[in-house]
Protein backbone atom coordinates (compact mmCIF):
# COMPACT_ATOMS: atom_id res chain seq x y z
CA MET A 1 191.91 157.47 55.02
CA ARG A 2 195.28 156.54 56.46
CA LEU A 3 197.18 159.36 58.15
CA ALA A 4 200.87 159.85 58.85
CA GLU A 5 201.89 158.66 62.32
CA SER A 6 202.88 162.24 63.19
CA ASP A 7 199.40 163.58 62.33
CA PRO A 8 197.52 164.76 65.45
CA LEU A 9 194.46 162.73 64.35
CA ALA A 10 196.37 159.46 63.83
CA HIS A 11 195.30 158.13 67.24
CA GLU A 12 191.68 159.23 66.99
CA ARG A 13 188.61 157.68 65.41
CA THR A 14 185.67 159.74 64.16
CA LEU A 15 182.32 158.64 62.77
CA LEU A 16 180.04 161.43 61.50
CA PHE A 17 176.44 161.31 60.30
CA VAL A 18 175.13 164.41 58.54
CA GLY A 19 171.73 164.95 56.99
CA SER A 20 169.79 168.03 55.95
CA HIS A 21 168.43 168.51 59.49
CA TYR A 22 170.39 165.99 61.56
CA GLY A 23 173.98 165.59 62.64
CA SER A 24 175.65 163.28 65.11
CA GLY A 25 179.14 162.08 65.75
CA PHE A 26 181.07 159.48 67.68
CA PHE A 27 184.61 160.34 68.70
CA ALA A 28 187.28 158.17 70.30
CA ARG A 29 190.90 158.80 71.26
CA ARG A 30 193.47 156.42 72.72
CA ARG A 31 194.33 157.33 76.29
CA THR A 32 198.05 156.87 75.55
CA ASP A 33 200.31 156.71 72.51
CA ASP A 34 201.24 153.11 73.41
CA PRO A 35 199.86 150.87 70.59
CA GLY A 36 199.57 148.00 73.08
CA GLU A 37 197.22 150.04 75.26
CA GLN A 38 193.61 149.55 74.16
CA THR A 39 191.92 152.03 76.51
CA TRP A 40 189.94 154.73 74.73
CA LEU A 41 188.18 157.94 75.72
CA CYS A 42 184.88 158.15 73.84
CA GLY A 43 182.10 160.66 73.36
CA THR A 44 179.14 161.57 71.22
CA CYS A 45 177.78 164.86 69.95
CA TYR A 46 174.38 165.77 68.53
CA ASP A 47 174.98 169.50 67.99
CA TYR A 48 174.31 169.95 64.26
CA ASP A 49 176.58 172.98 63.80
CA ARG A 50 179.53 171.29 65.51
CA ILE A 51 179.08 168.11 63.46
CA VAL A 52 179.00 170.07 60.18
CA GLU A 53 182.13 171.97 61.28
CA ALA A 54 183.90 168.67 62.13
CA THR A 55 182.83 167.18 58.79
CA LEU A 56 184.14 170.15 56.80
CA THR A 57 187.42 170.07 58.75
CA LEU A 58 187.93 166.40 57.83
CA ILE A 59 186.88 166.91 54.20
CA HIS A 60 189.51 169.62 53.79
CA ARG A 61 192.19 167.15 54.97
CA ILE A 62 191.51 164.76 52.06
CA PRO A 63 194.28 165.12 49.47
CA MET A 64 193.08 166.12 46.03
CA PRO A 65 194.32 164.19 42.98
CA PRO A 66 196.36 166.04 40.36
CA ALA A 67 194.26 167.98 37.89
CA ASP A 68 195.30 165.65 35.05
CA GLY A 69 194.82 162.47 37.15
CA PRO A 70 191.88 160.07 37.08
CA PRO A 71 188.73 161.01 39.01
CA ARG A 72 188.18 159.35 42.36
């Protein structure tokens, strides 16, 4: 989903994989706020509890449609 430029996560990329007994994630953040700079800090995580926590944090950021609006 597209975030506002002022959002703290706007310059980060996250890829999460969650299964019933497996969780992993890839995380990347630009080293600077300069859009011309293409240097990233990257990392991975395989701690299931942390990945589930990260997933729930991101899910709660998704805006919900109005109650009378069409389903997603």
